[in-house]
Structure formats: structure tokens, C-alpha cells
Protein backbone atom coordinates (compact mmCIF):
# COMPACT_ATOMS: atom_id res chain seq x y z
CA UNK A 1 -13.52 17.71 11.47
CA UNK A 2 -12.70 21.44 10.99
CA UNK A 3 -11.82 22.48 7.47
CA UNK A 4 -9.50 25.26 6.13
CA UNK A 5 -9.15 26.81 2.77
CA UNK A 6 -6.00 28.05 0.83
CA UNK A 7 -5.27 29.19 -2.72
CA UNK A 8 -3.29 26.82 -4.76
CA UNK A 9 -1.41 28.38 -7.66
CA UNK A 10 -0.69 25.01 -9.23
CA UNK A 11 -4.51 24.22 -9.20
CA UNK A 12 -5.46 27.89 -9.95
CA UNK A 13 -8.25 27.66 -7.34
CA UNK A 14 -9.15 27.69 -3.70
CA UNK A 15 -8.53 24.20 -1.96
CA UNK A 16 -10.68 22.99 0.78
CA UNK A 17 -8.73 20.72 3.27
CA UNK A 18 -8.87 19.35 6.76
CA UNK A 19 -7.05 21.64 9.27
CA UNK A 20 -5.03 18.61 10.21
CA UNK A 21 -4.09 15.65 8.10
CA UNK A 22 -1.43 12.99 8.78
CA UNK A 23 1.45 12.99 6.37
CA UNK A 24 3.44 9.80 6.41
CA UNK A 25 6.56 11.52 4.85
CA UNK A 26 8.34 14.66 5.65
CA UNK A 27 10.18 17.21 3.64
CA UNK A 28 13.64 15.69 2.96
CA UNK A 29 12.51 12.15 2.89
CA UNK A 30 13.62 9.82 0.14
CA UNK A 31 10.69 7.89 -1.28
CA UNK A 32 9.89 5.57 -4.18
CA UNK A 33 6.74 5.11 -6.17
CA UNK A 34 4.89 1.91 -5.42
CA UNK A 35 3.85 1.13 -8.92
CA UNK A 36 6.33 3.09 -11.28
CA UNK A 37 10.02 2.89 -11.37
CA UNK A 38 11.15 6.19 -9.95
CA UNK A 39 12.29 7.61 -6.69
CA UNK A 40 12.71 11.11 -5.34
CA UNK A 41 13.04 13.59 -2.47
CA UNK A 42 9.99 15.22 -0.91
CA UNK A 43 10.35 19.02 -1.18
CA UNK A 44 6.64 20.10 -0.45
CA UNK A 45 3.41 18.44 0.80
CA UNK A 46 -0.19 19.29 0.07
CA UNK A 47 -2.70 18.12 2.69
CA UNK A 48 -5.19 17.04 -0.08
CA UNK A 49 -5.04 16.95 -3.81
CA UNK A 50 -4.12 20.50 -5.01
CA UNK A 51 -3.25 20.24 -8.69
CA UNK A 52 -5.35 20.82 -11.90
CA UNK A 53 -8.43 18.83 -12.77
CA UNK A 54 -6.71 18.13 -16.10
CA UNK A 55 -3.84 16.47 -14.28
CA UNK A 56 -6.24 14.41 -12.06
CA UNK A 57 -8.41 13.44 -15.00
CA UNK A 58 -5.28 12.31 -17.04
CA UNK A 59 -4.92 9.39 -14.57
CA UNK A 60 -6.64 6.24 -15.63
CA UNK A 61 -9.92 5.86 -13.51
CA UNK A 62 -8.85 2.53 -12.16
CA UNK A 63 -5.64 4.02 -10.86
CA UNK A 64 -6.86 7.42 -9.85
CA UNK A 65 -6.12 8.16 -6.10
CA UNK A 66 -8.66 9.65 -3.71
CA UNK A 67 -8.24 13.38 -3.27
CA UNK A 68 -8.48 13.43 0.64
CA UNK A 69 -5.03 12.26 1.32
CA UNK A 70 -1.67 14.02 1.33
CA UNK A 71 0.08 14.53 -2.03
CA UNK A 72 3.80 15.03 -2.26
CA UNK A 73 5.91 17.13 -4.57
CA UNK A 74 9.12 15.23 -5.47
CA UNK A 75 12.49 16.03 -6.98
CA UNK A 76 12.32 12.73 -8.77
CA UNK A 77 14.54 10.47 -10.99
CA UNK A 78 14.40 7.37 -12.99
CA UNK A 79 16.93 5.68 -15.30
CA UNK A 80 16.45 8.19 -18.03
CA UNK A 81 15.84 11.63 -16.43
CA UNK A 82 15.31 13.99 -13.50
CA UNK A 83 11.93 15.75 -13.08
CA UNK A 84 9.39 17.05 -10.64
CA UNK A 85 6.64 14.62 -9.76
CA UNK A 86 3.32 15.01 -7.81
CA UNK A 87 2.34 11.67 -6.07
CA UNK A 88 -0.47 10.59 -3.61
CA UNK A 89 0.51 9.24 -0.28
CA UNK A 90 -0.91 5.80 -1.14
CA UNK A 91 1.55 5.41 -4.09
CA UNK A 92 4.64 6.15 -2.02
CA UNK A 93 7.00 3.86 0.00
CA UNK A 94 9.99 4.90 2.11
CA UNK A 95 13.37 4.53 0.33
CA UNK A 96 15.93 6.06 2.61
CA UNK A 97 18.03 2.84 2.46
CA UNK A 98 18.28 3.27 -1.28
CA UNK A 99 20.94 5.98 -0.98
CA UNK A 100 21.08 9.58 -2.19
CA UNK A 101 19.03 10.86 -5.19
CA UNK A 102 20.86 12.58 -8.10
CA UNK A 103 18.59 15.47 -9.09
CA UNK A 104 20.10 18.74 -10.34
CA UNK A 105 17.90 20.95 -8.22
CA UNK A 106 18.72 19.13 -4.89
CA UNK A 107 21.40 21.78 -3.89
CA UNK A 108 18.86 24.62 -4.26
CA UNK A 109 16.60 23.18 -1.57
CA UNK A 110 18.68 20.84 0.54
CA UNK A 111 22.09 21.08 2.28
CA UNK A 112 23.20 17.57 3.05
CA UNK A 113 22.14 13.91 2.86
CA UNK A 114 22.31 12.15 6.23
CA UNK A 115 20.88 8.88 7.59
CA UNK A 116 18.68 8.25 4.74
CA UNK A 117 17.24 11.76 4.30
CA UNK A 118 18.04 15.36 3.10
CA UNK A 119 18.43 18.36 5.41
CA UNK A 120 16.36 21.41 4.24
CA UNK A 121 18.67 24.59 3.56
CA UNK A 122 18.55 27.07 6.49
CA UNK A 123 16.15 29.80 5.69
CA UNK A 124 13.81 27.72 3.52
CA UNK A 125 11.61 26.55 6.25
CA UNK A 126 8.36 28.30 6.80
């Protein structure tokens, strides 16, 4: 498999990733965590783990996901708060049937909620 490299500001280093990797979810999809009680909207996708080593090591070893899978940036919410989450593909499930997400940053990135997903604001796609 051919590999590519890119700089991740979040990780503070160059990330080595496959040139192609199959993401199960897309930007605008509503998802929920498989183990923890929160849901969110995908606003960015890393083809492989691209966060800091400290973040990765803070996950208990028995729950630590493999690095070679897509990781999703979410505008997340739970009963108490709204926040940004970084979650491995293996820990996400589709949740478009659960209705809209109530995150204060949604309108900065997305225009509308239709048919279980959010539409990206025009001009934000790359």
C-alpha cells in the first residue's frame, strides 16, 4: 500500500498514513460513541491517529484503539456539556435517527440539518 505524509498541528509532528483509507462516516454525519454516553457531528477526519502521544497514552491500555484507522473530530454533546471529541472509527456508531445535535459551534461549520445529517457551509469544503 502506498503511503503519504502530512504535518498534523494537533500532533505537532509529521503523520505517515495510507494514501487511501476507508472512512465509515463523512463530514456532517451524526454519530454516537459505542461505549460512552455522548453523540456528535463529524467535522473533520484523520486517515489514521494524528493526535499527541500524551493523548493516546492517556487511554487505558485495554481500551486503546489501533492507530491505523480513521479518527474523527466531533462537535460532541452529552447531558452536561458540549465539547470537541476525537474518536476512533471502531468506537463510533451512526446516530442520524437520534435527531439534531445541540452544539454551540454547529452554525459556524454547518448550514442545515436534513435527513439525519448536517450540510457543510458553502466555502468550507476543501
